[in-house]
PDBML (XML) file of the C-alpha atoms, coordinates in Angstrom:
<?xml version="1.0" encoding="UTF-8" ?>
<PDBx:datablock datablockName="MODEL"
   xmlns:PDBx="http://pdbml.pdb.org/schema/pdbx-v50.xsd"
   xmlns:xsi="http://www.w3.org/2001/XMLSchema-instance"
   xsi:schemaLocation="http://pdbml.pdb.org/schema/pdbx-v50.xsd pdbx-v50.xsd">
   <PDBx:atom_siteCategory>
      <PDBx:atom_site id="1">
         <PDBx:B_iso_or_equiv>0.00</PDBx:B_iso_or_equiv>
         <PDBx:Cartn_x>0.000</PDBx:Cartn_x>
         <PDBx:Cartn_y>0.000</PDBx:Cartn_y>
         <PDBx:Cartn_z>0.000</PDBx:Cartn_z>
         <PDBx:auth_asym_id>A</PDBx:auth_asym_id>
         <PDBx:auth_atom_id>CA</PDBx:auth_atom_id>
         <PDBx:auth_comp_id>GLY</PDBx:auth_comp_id>
         <PDBx:auth_seq_id>1</PDBx:auth_seq_id>
         <PDBx:group_PDB>ATOM</PDBx:group_PDB>
         <PDBx:label_alt_id xsi:nil="true" />
         <PDBx:label_asym_id>A</PDBx:label_asym_id>
         <PDBx:label_atom_id>CA</PDBx:label_atom_id>
         <PDBx:label_comp_id>GLY</PDBx:label_comp_id>
         <PDBx:label_entity_id>1</PDBx:label_entity_id>
         <PDBx:label_seq_id>1</PDBx:label_seq_id>
         <PDBx:occupancy>1.00</PDBx:occupancy>
         <PDBx:pdbx_PDB_model_num>1</PDBx:pdbx_PDB_model_num>
         <PDBx:type_symbol>C</PDBx:type_symbol>
      </PDBx:atom_site>
      <PDBx:atom_site id="2">
         <PDBx:B_iso_or_equiv>0.00</PDBx:B_iso_or_equiv>
         <PDBx:Cartn_x>2.880</PDBx:Cartn_x>
         <PDBx:Cartn_y>2.400</PDBx:Cartn_y>
         <PDBx:Cartn_z>-0.519</PDBx:Cartn_z>
         <PDBx:auth_asym_id>A</PDBx:auth_asym_id>
         <PDBx:auth_atom_id>CA</PDBx:auth_atom_id>
         <PDBx:auth_comp_id>ARG</PDBx:auth_comp_id>
         <PDBx:auth_seq_id>2</PDBx:auth_seq_id>
         <PDBx:group_PDB>ATOM</PDBx:group_PDB>
         <PDBx:label_alt_id xsi:nil="true" />
         <PDBx:label_asym_id>A</PDBx:label_asym_id>
         <PDBx:label_atom_id>CA</PDBx:label_atom_id>
         <PDBx:label_comp_id>ARG</PDBx:label_comp_id>
         <PDBx:label_entity_id>1</PDBx:label_entity_id>
         <PDBx:label_seq_id>2</PDBx:label_seq_id>
         <PDBx:occupancy>1.00</PDBx:occupancy>
         <PDBx:pdbx_PDB_model_num>1</PDBx:pdbx_PDB_model_num>
         <PDBx:type_symbol>C</PDBx:type_symbol>
      </PDBx:atom_site>
      <PDBx:atom_site id="3">
         <PDBx:B_iso_or_equiv>0.00</PDBx:B_iso_or_equiv>
         <PDBx:Cartn_x>1.827</PDBx:Cartn_x>
         <PDBx:Cartn_y>5.941</PDBx:Cartn_y>
         <PDBx:Cartn_z>-1.322</PDBx:Cartn_z>
         <PDBx:auth_asym_id>A</PDBx:auth_asym_id>
         <PDBx:auth_atom_id>CA</PDBx:auth_atom_id>
         <PDBx:auth_comp_id>GLN</PDBx:auth_comp_id>
         <PDBx:auth_seq_id>3</PDBx:auth_seq_id>
         <PDBx:group_PDB>ATOM</PDBx:group_PDB>
         <PDBx:label_alt_id xsi:nil="true" />
         <PDBx:label_asym_id>A</PDBx:label_asym_id>
         <PDBx:label_atom_id>CA</PDBx:label_atom_id>
         <PDBx:label_comp_id>GLN</PDBx:label_comp_id>
         <PDBx:label_entity_id>1</PDBx:label_entity_id>
         <PDBx:label_seq_id>3</PDBx:label_seq_id>
         <PDBx:occupancy>1.00</PDBx:occupancy>
         <PDBx:pdbx_PDB_model_num>1</PDBx:pdbx_PDB_model_num>
         <PDBx:type_symbol>C</PDBx:type_symbol>
      </PDBx:atom_site>
      <PDBx:atom_site id="4">
         <PDBx:B_iso_or_equiv>0.00</PDBx:B_iso_or_equiv>
         <PDBx:Cartn_x>3.331</PDBx:Cartn_x>
         <PDBx:Cartn_y>8.344</PDBx:Cartn_y>
         <PDBx:Cartn_z>-3.809</PDBx:Cartn_z>
         <PDBx:auth_asym_id>A</PDBx:auth_asym_id>
         <PDBx:auth_atom_id>CA</PDBx:auth_atom_id>
         <PDBx:auth_comp_id>THR</PDBx:auth_comp_id>
         <PDBx:auth_seq_id>4</PDBx:auth_seq_id>
         <PDBx:group_PDB>ATOM</PDBx:group_PDB>
         <PDBx:label_alt_id xsi:nil="true" />
         <PDBx:label_asym_id>A</PDBx:label_asym_id>
         <PDBx:label_atom_id>CA</PDBx:label_atom_id>
         <PDBx:label_comp_id>THR</PDBx:label_comp_id>
         <PDBx:label_entity_id>1</PDBx:label_entity_id>
         <PDBx:label_seq_id>4</PDBx:label_seq_id>
         <PDBx:occupancy>1.00</PDBx:occupancy>
         <PDBx:pdbx_PDB_model_num>1</PDBx:pdbx_PDB_model_num>
         <PDBx:type_symbol>C</PDBx:type_symbol>
      </PDBx:atom_site>
      <PDBx:atom_site id="5">
         <PDBx:B_iso_or_equiv>0.00</PDBx:B_iso_or_equiv>
         <PDBx:Cartn_x>6.535</PDBx:Cartn_x>
         <PDBx:Cartn_y>9.936</PDBx:Cartn_y>
         <PDBx:Cartn_z>-2.507</PDBx:Cartn_z>
         <PDBx:auth_asym_id>A</PDBx:auth_asym_id>
         <PDBx:auth_atom_id>CA</PDBx:auth_atom_id>
         <PDBx:auth_comp_id>SER</PDBx:auth_comp_id>
         <PDBx:auth_seq_id>5</PDBx:auth_seq_id>
         <PDBx:group_PDB>ATOM</PDBx:group_PDB>
         <PDBx:label_alt_id xsi:nil="true" />
         <PDBx:label_asym_id>A</PDBx:label_asym_id>
         <PDBx:label_atom_id>CA</PDBx:label_atom_id>
         <PDBx:label_comp_id>SER</PDBx:label_comp_id>
         <PDBx:label_entity_id>1</PDBx:label_entity_id>
         <PDBx:label_seq_id>5</PDBx:label_seq_id>
         <PDBx:occupancy>1.00</PDBx:occupancy>
         <PDBx:pdbx_PDB_model_num>1</PDBx:pdbx_PDB_model_num>
         <PDBx:type_symbol>C</PDBx:type_symbol>
      </PDBx:atom_site>
      <PDBx:atom_site id="6">
         <PDBx:B_iso_or_equiv>0.00</PDBx:B_iso_or_equiv>
         <PDBx:Cartn_x>8.287</PDBx:Cartn_x>
         <PDBx:Cartn_y>13.130</PDBx:Cartn_y>
         <PDBx:Cartn_z>-3.608</PDBx:Cartn_z>
         <PDBx:auth_asym_id>A</PDBx:auth_asym_id>
         <PDBx:auth_atom_id>CA</PDBx:auth_atom_id>
         <PDBx:auth_comp_id>TYR</PDBx:auth_comp_id>
         <PDBx:auth_seq_id>6</PDBx:auth_seq_id>
         <PDBx:group_PDB>ATOM</PDBx:group_PDB>
         <PDBx:label_alt_id xsi:nil="true" />
         <PDBx:label_asym_id>A</PDBx:label_asym_id>
         <PDBx:label_atom_id>CA</PDBx:label_atom_id>
         <PDBx:label_comp_id>TYR</PDBx:label_comp_id>
         <PDBx:label_entity_id>1</PDBx:label_entity_id>
         <PDBx:label_seq_id>6</PDBx:label_seq_id>
         <PDBx:occupancy>1.00</PDBx:occupancy>
         <PDBx:pdbx_PDB_model_num>1</PDBx:pdbx_PDB_model_num>
         <PDBx:type_symbol>C</PDBx:type_symbol>
      </PDBx:atom_site>
      <PDBx:atom_site id="7">
         <PDBx:B_iso_or_equiv>0.00</PDBx:B_iso_or_equiv>
         <PDBx:Cartn_x>11.882</PDBx:Cartn_x>
         <PDBx:Cartn_y>14.231</PDBx:Cartn_y>
         <PDBx:Cartn_z>-4.073</PDBx:Cartn_z>
         <PDBx:auth_asym_id>A</PDBx:auth_asym_id>
         <PDBx:auth_atom_id>CA</PDBx:auth_atom_id>
         <PDBx:auth_comp_id>GLU</PDBx:auth_comp_id>
         <PDBx:auth_seq_id>7</PDBx:auth_seq_id>
         <PDBx:group_PDB>ATOM</PDBx:group_PDB>
         <PDBx:label_alt_id xsi:nil="true" />
         <PDBx:label_asym_id>A</PDBx:label_asym_id>
         <PDBx:label_atom_id>CA</PDBx:label_atom_id>
         <PDBx:label_comp_id>GLU</PDBx:label_comp_id>
         <PDBx:label_entity_id>1</PDBx:label_entity_id>
         <PDBx:label_seq_id>7</PDBx:label_seq_id>
         <PDBx:occupancy>1.00</PDBx:occupancy>
         <PDBx:pdbx_PDB_model_num>1</PDBx:pdbx_PDB_model_num>
         <PDBx:type_symbol>C</PDBx:type_symbol>
      </PDBx:atom_site>
      <PDBx:atom_site id="8">
         <PDBx:B_iso_or_equiv>0.00</PDBx:B_iso_or_equiv>
         <PDBx:Cartn_x>13.550</PDBx:Cartn_x>
         <PDBx:Cartn_y>17.512</PDBx:Cartn_y>
         <PDBx:Cartn_z>-5.010</PDBx:Cartn_z>
         <PDBx:auth_asym_id>A</PDBx:auth_asym_id>
         <PDBx:auth_atom_id>CA</PDBx:auth_atom_id>
         <PDBx:auth_comp_id>TRP</PDBx:auth_comp_id>
         <PDBx:auth_seq_id>8</PDBx:auth_seq_id>
         <PDBx:group_PDB>ATOM</PDBx:group_PDB>
         <PDBx:label_alt_id xsi:nil="true" />
         <PDBx:label_asym_id>A</PDBx:label_asym_id>
         <PDBx:label_atom_id>CA</PDBx:label_atom_id>
         <PDBx:label_comp_id>TRP</PDBx:label_comp_id>
         <PDBx:label_entity_id>1</PDBx:label_entity_id>
         <PDBx:label_seq_id>8</PDBx:label_seq_id>
         <PDBx:occupancy>1.00</PDBx:occupancy>
         <PDBx:pdbx_PDB_model_num>1</PDBx:pdbx_PDB_model_num>
         <PDBx:type_symbol>C</PDBx:type_symbol>
      </PDBx:atom_site>
      <PDBx:atom_site id="9">
         <PDBx:B_iso_or_equiv>0.00</PDBx:B_iso_or_equiv>
         <PDBx:Cartn_x>16.837</PDBx:Cartn_x>
         <PDBx:Cartn_y>17.911</PDBx:Cartn_y>
         <PDBx:Cartn_z>-6.903</PDBx:Cartn_z>
         <PDBx:auth_asym_id>A</PDBx:auth_asym_id>
         <PDBx:auth_atom_id>CA</PDBx:auth_atom_id>
         <PDBx:auth_comp_id>ARG</PDBx:auth_comp_id>
         <PDBx:auth_seq_id>9</PDBx:auth_seq_id>
         <PDBx:group_PDB>ATOM</PDBx:group_PDB>
         <PDBx:label_alt_id xsi:nil="true" />
         <PDBx:label_asym_id>A</PDBx:label_asym_id>
         <PDBx:label_atom_id>CA</PDBx:label_atom_id>
         <PDBx:label_comp_id>ARG</PDBx:label_comp_id>
         <PDBx:label_entity_id>1</PDBx:label_entity_id>
         <PDBx:label_seq_id>9</PDBx:label_seq_id>
         <PDBx:occupancy>1.00</PDBx:occupancy>
         <PDBx:pdbx_PDB_model_num>1</PDBx:pdbx_PDB_model_num>
         <PDBx:type_symbol>C</PDBx:type_symbol>
      </PDBx:atom_site>
      <PDBx:atom_site id="10">
         <PDBx:B_iso_or_equiv>0.00</PDBx:B_iso_or_equiv>
         <PDBx:Cartn_x>19.623</PDBx:Cartn_x>
         <PDBx:Cartn_y>20.102</PDBx:Cartn_y>
         <PDBx:Cartn_z>-5.474</PDBx:Cartn_z>
         <PDBx:auth_asym_id>A</PDBx:auth_asym_id>
         <PDBx:auth_atom_id>CA</PDBx:auth_atom_id>
         <PDBx:auth_comp_id>HIS</PDBx:auth_comp_id>
         <PDBx:auth_seq_id>10</PDBx:auth_seq_id>
         <PDBx:group_PDB>ATOM</PDBx:group_PDB>
         <PDBx:label_alt_id xsi:nil="true" />
         <PDBx:label_asym_id>A</PDBx:label_asym_id>
         <PDBx:label_atom_id>CA</PDBx:label_atom_id>
         <PDBx:label_comp_id>HIS</PDBx:label_comp_id>
         <PDBx:label_entity_id>1</PDBx:label_entity_id>
         <PDBx:label_seq_id>10</PDBx:label_seq_id>
         <PDBx:occupancy>1.00</PDBx:occupancy>
         <PDBx:pdbx_PDB_model_num>1</PDBx:pdbx_PDB_model_num>
         <PDBx:type_symbol>C</PDBx:type_symbol>
      </PDBx:atom_site>
      <PDBx:atom_site id="11">
         <PDBx:B_iso_or_equiv>0.00</PDBx:B_iso_or_equiv>
         <PDBx:Cartn_x>22.851</PDBx:Cartn_x>
         <PDBx:Cartn_y>20.845</PDBx:Cartn_y>
         <PDBx:Cartn_z>-7.355</PDBx:Cartn_z>
         <PDBx:auth_asym_id>A</PDBx:auth_asym_id>
         <PDBx:auth_atom_id>CA</PDBx:auth_atom_id>
         <PDBx:auth_comp_id>GLY</PDBx:auth_comp_id>
         <PDBx:auth_seq_id>11</PDBx:auth_seq_id>
         <PDBx:group_PDB>ATOM</PDBx:group_PDB>
         <PDBx:label_alt_id xsi:nil="true" />
         <PDBx:label_asym_id>A</PDBx:label_asym_id>
         <PDBx:label_atom_id>CA</PDBx:label_atom_id>
         <PDBx:label_comp_id>GLY</PDBx:label_comp_id>
         <PDBx:label_entity_id>1</PDBx:label_entity_id>
         <PDBx:label_seq_id>11</PDBx:label_seq_id>
         <PDBx:occupancy>1.00</PDBx:occupancy>
         <PDBx:pdbx_PDB_model_num>1</PDBx:pdbx_PDB_model_num>
         <PDBx:type_symbol>C</PDBx:type_symbol>
      </PDBx:atom_site>
      <PDBx:atom_site id="12">
         <PDBx:B_iso_or_equiv>0.00</PDBx:B_iso_or_equiv>
         <PDBx:Cartn_x>26.167</PDBx:Cartn_x>
         <PDBx:Cartn_y>21.561</PDBx:Cartn_y>
         <PDBx:Cartn_z>-5.650</PDBx:Cartn_z>
         <PDBx:auth_asym_id>A</PDBx:auth_asym_id>
         <PDBx:auth_atom_id>CA</PDBx:auth_atom_id>
         <PDBx:auth_comp_id>LEU</PDBx:auth_comp_id>
         <PDBx:auth_seq_id>12</PDBx:auth_seq_id>
         <PDBx:group_PDB>ATOM</PDBx:group_PDB>
         <PDBx:label_alt_id xsi:nil="true" />
         <PDBx:label_asym_id>A</PDBx:label_asym_id>
         <PDBx:label_atom_id>CA</PDBx:label_atom_id>
         <PDBx:label_comp_id>LEU</PDBx:label_comp_id>
         <PDBx:label_entity_id>1</PDBx:label_entity_id>
         <PDBx:label_seq_id>12</PDBx:label_seq_id>
         <PDBx:occupancy>1.00</PDBx:occupancy>
         <PDBx:pdbx_PDB_model_num>1</PDBx:pdbx_PDB_model_num>
         <PDBx:type_symbol>C</PDBx:type_symbol>
      </PDBx:atom_site>
      <PDBx:atom_site id="13">
         <PDBx:B_iso_or_equiv>0.00</PDBx:B_iso_or_equiv>
         <PDBx:Cartn_x>26.055</PDBx:Cartn_x>
         <PDBx:Cartn_y>25.173</PDBx:Cartn_y>
         <PDBx:Cartn_z>-6.787</PDBx:Cartn_z>
         <PDBx:auth_asym_id>A</PDBx:auth_asym_id>
         <PDBx:auth_atom_id>CA</PDBx:auth_atom_id>
         <PDBx:auth_comp_id>GLY</PDBx:auth_comp_id>
         <PDBx:auth_seq_id>13</PDBx:auth_seq_id>
         <PDBx:group_PDB>ATOM</PDBx:group_PDB>
         <PDBx:label_alt_id xsi:nil="true" />
         <PDBx:label_asym_id>A</PDBx:label_asym_id>
         <PDBx:label_atom_id>CA</PDBx:label_atom_id>
         <PDBx:label_comp_id>GLY</PDBx:label_comp_id>
         <PDBx:label_entity_id>1</PDBx:label_entity_id>
         <PDBx:label_seq_id>13</PDBx:label_seq_id>
         <PDBx:occupancy>1.00</PDBx:occupancy>
         <PDBx:pdbx_PDB_model_num>1</PDBx:pdbx_PDB_model_num>
         <PDBx:type_symbol>C</PDBx:type_symbol>
      </PDBx:atom_site>
      <PDBx:atom_site id="14">
         <PDBx:B_iso_or_equiv>0.00</PDBx:B_iso_or_equiv>
         <PDBx:Cartn_x>22.636</PDBx:Cartn_x>
         <PDBx:Cartn_y>25.684</PDBx:Cartn_y>
         <PDBx:Cartn_z>-5.226</PDBx:Cartn_z>
         <PDBx:auth_asym_id>A</PDBx:auth_asym_id>
         <PDBx:auth_atom_id>CA</PDBx:auth_atom_id>
         <PDBx:auth_comp_id>GLU</PDBx:auth_comp_id>
         <PDBx:auth_seq_id>14</PDBx:auth_seq_id>
         <PDBx:group_PDB>ATOM</PDBx:group_PDB>
         <PDBx:label_alt_id xsi:nil="true" />
         <PDBx:label_asym_id>A</PDBx:label_asym_id>
         <PDBx:label_atom_id>CA</PDBx:label_atom_id>
         <PDBx:label_comp_id>GLU</PDBx:label_comp_id>
         <PDBx:label_entity_id>1</PDBx:label_entity_id>
         <PDBx:label_seq_id>14</PDBx:label_seq_id>
         <PDBx:occupancy>1.00</PDBx:occupancy>
         <PDBx:pdbx_PDB_model_num>1</PDBx:pdbx_PDB_model_num>
         <PDBx:type_symbol>C</PDBx:type_symbol>
      </PDBx:atom_site>
      <PDBx:atom_site id="15">
         <PDBx:B_iso_or_equiv>0.00</PDBx:B_iso_or_equiv>
         <PDBx:Cartn_x>23.708</PDBx:Cartn_x>
         <PDBx:Cartn_y>23.992</PDBx:Cartn_y>
         <PDBx:Cartn_z>-1.998</PDBx:Cartn_z>
         <PDBx:auth_asym_id>A</PDBx:auth_asym_id>
         <PDBx:auth_atom_id>CA</PDBx:auth_atom_id>
         <PDBx:auth_comp_id>LEU</PDBx:auth_comp_id>
         <PDBx:auth_seq_id>15</PDBx:auth_seq_id>
         <PDBx:group_PDB>ATOM</PDBx:group_PDB>
         <PDBx:label_alt_id xsi:nil="true" />
         <PDBx:label_asym_id>A</PDBx:label_asym_id>
         <PDBx:label_atom_id>CA</PDBx:label_atom_id>
         <PDBx:label_comp_id>LEU</PDBx:label_comp_id>
         <PDBx:label_entity_id>1</PDBx:label_entity_id>
         <PDBx:label_seq_id>15</PDBx:label_seq_id>
         <PDBx:occupancy>1.00</PDBx:occupancy>
         <PDBx:pdbx_PDB_model_num>1</PDBx:pdbx_PDB_model_num>
         <PDBx:type_symbol>C</PDBx:type_symbol>
      </PDBx:atom_site>
      <PDBx:atom_site id="16">
         <PDBx:B_iso_or_equiv>0.00</PDBx:B_iso_or_equiv>
         <PDBx:Cartn_x>26.930</PDBx:Cartn_x>
         <PDBx:Cartn_y>25.929</PDBx:Cartn_y>
         <PDBx:Cartn_z>-1.441</PDBx:Cartn_z>
         <PDBx:auth_asym_id>A</PDBx:auth_asym_id>
         <PDBx:auth_atom_id>CA</PDBx:auth_atom_id>
         <PDBx:auth_comp_id>THR</PDBx:auth_comp_id>
         <PDBx:auth_seq_id>16</PDBx:auth_seq_id>
         <PDBx:group_PDB>ATOM</PDBx:group_PDB>
         <PDBx:label_alt_id xsi:nil="true" />
         <PDBx:label_asym_id>A</PDBx:label_asym_id>
         <PDBx:label_atom_id>CA</PDBx:label_atom_id>
         <PDBx:label_comp_id>THR</PDBx:label_comp_id>
         <PDBx:label_entity_id>1</PDBx:label_entity_id>
         <PDBx:label_seq_id>16</PDBx:label_seq_id>
         <PDBx:occupancy>1.00</PDBx:occupancy>
         <PDBx:pdbx_PDB_model_num>1</PDBx:pdbx_PDB_model_num>
         <PDBx:type_symbol>C</PDBx:type_symbol>
      </PDBx:atom_site>
      <PDBx:atom_site id="17">
         <PDBx:B_iso_or_equiv>0.00</PDBx:B_iso_or_equiv>
         <PDBx:Cartn_x>25.385</PDBx:Cartn_x>
         <PDBx:Cartn_y>29.270</PDBx:Cartn_y>
         <PDBx:Cartn_z>-2.420</PDBx:Cartn_z>
         <PDBx:auth_asym_id>A</PDBx:auth_asym_id>
         <PDBx:auth_atom_id>CA</PDBx:auth_atom_id>
         <PDBx:auth_comp_id>THR</PDBx:auth_comp_id>
         <PDBx:auth_seq_id>17</PDBx:auth_seq_id>
         <PDBx:group_PDB>ATOM</PDBx:group_PDB>
         <PDBx:label_alt_id xsi:nil="true" />
         <PDBx:label_asym_id>A</PDBx:label_asym_id>
         <PDBx:label_atom_id>CA</PDBx:label_atom_id>
         <PDBx:label_comp_id>THR</PDBx:label_comp_id>
         <PDBx:label_entity_id>1</PDBx:label_entity_id>
         <PDBx:label_seq_id>17</PDBx:label_seq_id>
         <PDBx:occupancy>1.00</PDBx:occupancy>
         <PDBx:pdbx_PDB_model_num>1</PDBx:pdbx_PDB_model_num>
         <PDBx:type_symbol>C</PDBx:type_symbol>
      </PDBx:atom_site>
      <PDBx:atom_site id="18">
         <PDBx:B_iso_or_equiv>0.00</PDBx:B_iso_or_equiv>
         <PDBx:Cartn_x>22.389</PDBx:Cartn_x>
         <PDBx:Cartn_y>28.717</PDBx:Cartn_y>
         <PDBx:Cartn_z>-0.132</PDBx:Cartn_z>
         <PDBx:auth_asym_id>A</PDBx:auth_asym_id>
         <PDBx:auth_atom_id>CA</PDBx:auth_atom_id>
         <PDBx:auth_comp_id>THR</PDBx:auth_comp_id>
         <PDBx:auth_seq_id>18</PDBx:auth_seq_id>
         <PDBx:group_PDB>ATOM</PDBx:group_PDB>
         <PDBx:label_alt_id xsi:nil="true" />
         <PDBx:label_asym_id>A</PDBx:label_asym_id>
         <PDBx:label_atom_id>CA</PDBx:label_atom_id>
         <PDBx:label_comp_id>THR</PDBx:label_comp_id>
         <PDBx:label_entity_id>1</PDBx:label_entity_id>
         <PDBx:label_seq_id>18</PDBx:label_seq_id>
         <PDBx:occupancy>1.00</PDBx:occupancy>
         <PDBx:pdbx_PDB_model_num>1</PDBx:pdbx_PDB_model_num>
         <PDBx:type_symbol>C</PDBx:type_symbol>
      </PDBx:atom_site>
      <PDBx:atom_site id="19">
         <PDBx:B_iso_or_equiv>0.00</PDBx:B_iso_or_equiv>
         <PDBx:Cartn_x>24.580</PDBx:Cartn_x>
         <PDBx:Cartn_y>27.804</PDBx:Cartn_y>
         <PDBx:Cartn_z>2.845</PDBx:Cartn_z>
         <PDBx:auth_asym_id>A</PDBx:auth_asym_id>
         <PDBx:auth_atom_id>CA</PDBx:auth_atom_id>
         <PDBx:auth_comp_id>LEU</PDBx:auth_comp_id>
         <PDBx:auth_seq_id>19</PDBx:auth_seq_id>
         <PDBx:group_PDB>ATOM</PDBx:group_PDB>
         <PDBx:label_alt_id xsi:nil="true" />
         <PDBx:label_asym_id>A</PDBx:label_asym_id>
         <PDBx:label_atom_id>CA</PDBx:label_atom_id>
         <PDBx:label_comp_id>LEU</PDBx:label_comp_id>
         <PDBx:label_entity_id>1</PDBx:label_entity_id>
         <PDBx:label_seq_id>19</PDBx:label_seq_id>
         <PDBx:occupancy>1.00</PDBx:occupancy>
         <PDBx:pdbx_PDB_model_num>1</PDBx:pdbx_PDB_model_num>
         <PDBx:type_symbol>C</PDBx:type_symbol>
      </PDBx:atom_site>
      <PDBx:atom_site id="20">
         <PDBx:B_iso_or_equiv>0.00</PDBx:B_iso_or_equiv>
         <PDBx:Cartn_x>26.773</PDBx:Cartn_x>
         <PDBx:Cartn_y>30.857</PDBx:Cartn_y>
         <PDBx:Cartn_z>2.274</PDBx:Cartn_z>
         <PDBx:auth_asym_id>A</PDBx:auth_asym_id>
         <PDBx:auth_atom_id>CA</PDBx:auth_atom_id>
         <PDBx:auth_comp_id>ALA</PDBx:auth_comp_id>
         <PDBx:auth_seq_id>20</PDBx:auth_seq_id>
         <PDBx:group_PDB>ATOM</PDBx:group_PDB>
         <PDBx:label_alt_id xsi:nil="true" />
         <PDBx:label_asym_id>A</PDBx:label_asym_id>
         <PDBx:label_atom_id>CA</PDBx:label_atom_id>
         <PDBx:label_comp_id>ALA</PDBx:label_comp_id>
         <PDBx:label_entity_id>1</PDBx:label_entity_id>
         <PDBx:label_seq_id>20</PDBx:label_seq_id>
         <PDBx:occupancy>1.00</PDBx:occupancy>
         <PDBx:pdbx_PDB_model_num>1</PDBx:pdbx_PDB_model_num>
         <PDBx:type_symbol>C</PDBx:type_symbol>
      </PDBx:atom_site>
      <PDBx:atom_site id="21">
         <PDBx:B_iso_or_equiv>0.00</PDBx:B_iso_or_equiv>
         <PDBx:Cartn_x>23.697</PDBx:Cartn_x>
         <PDBx:Cartn_y>33.098</PDBx:Cartn_y>
         <PDBx:Cartn_z>2.061</PDBx:Cartn_z>
         <PDBx:auth_asym_id>A</PDBx:auth_asym_id>
         <PDBx:auth_atom_id>CA</PDBx:auth_atom_id>
         <PDBx:auth_comp_id>ALA</PDBx:auth_comp_id>
         <PDBx:auth_seq_id>21</PDBx:auth_seq_id>
         <PDBx:group_PDB>ATOM</PDBx:group_PDB>
         <PDBx:label_alt_id xsi:nil="true" />
         <PDBx:label_asym_id>A</PDBx:label_asym_id>
         <PDBx:label_atom_id>CA</PDBx:label_atom_id>
         <PDBx:label_comp_id>ALA</PDBx:label_comp_id>
         <PDBx:label_entity_id>1</PDBx:label_entity_id>
         <PDBx:label_seq_id>21</PDBx:label_seq_id>
         <PDBx:occupancy>1.00</PDBx:occupancy>
         <PDBx:pdbx_PDB_model_num>1</PDBx:pdbx_PDB_model_num>
         <PDBx:type_symbol>C</PDBx:type_symbol>
      </PDBx:atom_site>
      <PDBx:atom_site id="22">
         <PDBx:B_iso_or_equiv>0.00</PDBx:B_iso_or_equiv>
         <PDBx:Cartn_x>22.539</PDBx:Cartn_x>
         <PDBx:Cartn_y>31.719</PDBx:Cartn_y>
         <PDBx:Cartn_z>5.419</PDBx:Cartn_z>
         <PDBx:auth_asym_id>A</PDBx:auth_asym_id>
         <PDBx:auth_atom_id>CA</PDBx:auth_atom_id>
         <PDBx:auth_comp_id>ALA</PDBx:auth_comp_id>
         <PDBx:auth_seq_id>22</PDBx:auth_seq_id>
         <PDBx:group_PDB>ATOM</PDBx:group_PDB>
         <PDBx:label_alt_id xsi:nil="true" />
         <PDBx:label_asym_id>A</PDBx:label_asym_id>
         <PDBx:label_atom_id>CA</PDBx:label_atom_id>
         <PDBx:label_comp_id>ALA</PDBx:label_comp_id>
         <PDBx:label_entity_id>1</PDBx:label_entity_id>
         <PDBx:label_seq_id>22</PDBx:label_seq_id>
         <PDBx:occupancy>1.00</PDBx:occupancy>
         <PDBx:pdbx_PDB_model_num>1</PDBx:pdbx_PDB_model_num>
         <PDBx:type_symbol>C</PDBx:type_symbol>
      </PDBx:atom_site>
      <PDBx:atom_site id="23">
         <PDBx:B_iso_or_equiv>0.00</PDBx:B_iso_or_equiv>
         <PDBx:Cartn_x>25.805</PDBx:Cartn_x>
         <PDBx:Cartn_y>32.891</PDBx:Cartn_y>
         <PDBx:Cartn_z>6.986</PDBx:Cartn_z>
         <PDBx:auth_asym_id>A</PDBx:auth_asym_id>
         <PDBx:auth_atom_id>CA</PDBx:auth_atom_id>
         <PDBx:auth_comp_id>GLY</PDBx:auth_comp_id>
         <PDBx:auth_seq_id>23</PDBx:auth_seq_id>
         <PDBx:group_PDB>ATOM</PDBx:group_PDB>
         <PDBx:label_alt_id xsi:nil="true" />
         <PDBx:label_asym_id>A</PDBx:label_asym_id>
         <PDBx:label_atom_id>CA</PDBx:label_atom_id>
         <PDBx:label_comp_id>GLY</PDBx:label_comp_id>
         <PDBx:label_entity_id>1</PDBx:label_entity_id>
         <PDBx:label_seq_id>23</PDBx:label_seq_id>
         <PDBx:occupancy>1.00</PDBx:occupancy>
         <PDBx:pdbx_PDB_model_num>1</PDBx:pdbx_PDB_model_num>
         <PDBx:type_symbol>C</PDBx:type_symbol>
      </PDBx:atom_site>
      <PDBx:atom_site id="24">
         <PDBx:B_iso_or_equiv>0.00</PDBx:B_iso_or_equiv>
         <PDBx:Cartn_x>27.761</PDBx:Cartn_x>
         <PDBx:Cartn_y>29.633</PDBx:Cartn_y>
         <PDBx:Cartn_z>6.981</PDBx:Cartn_z>
         <PDBx:auth_asym_id>A</PDBx:auth_asym_id>
         <PDBx:auth_atom_id>CA</PDBx:auth_atom_id>
         <PDBx:auth_comp_id>LEU</PDBx:auth_comp_id>
         <PDBx:auth_seq_id>24</PDBx:auth_seq_id>
         <PDBx:group_PDB>ATOM</PDBx:group_PDB>
         <PDBx:label_alt_id xsi:nil="true" />
         <PDBx:label_asym_id>A</PDBx:label_asym_id>
         <PDBx:label_atom_id>CA</PDBx:label_atom_id>
         <PDBx:label_comp_id>LEU</PDBx:label_comp_id>
         <PDBx:label_entity_id>1</PDBx:label_entity_id>
         <PDBx:label_seq_id>24</PDBx:label_seq_id>
         <PDBx:occupancy>1.00</PDBx:occupancy>
         <PDBx:pdbx_PDB_model_num>1</PDBx:pdbx_PDB_model_num>
         <PDBx:type_symbol>C</PDBx:type_symbol>
      </PDBx:atom_site>
   </PDBx:atom_siteCategory>
</PDBx:datablock>
């Protein structure tokens, strides 16, 4: 009875830029 699941893609550029913008 497994339901639909969802995932979201995240590139390395997005990840590093987002962390830097958060002050890390």
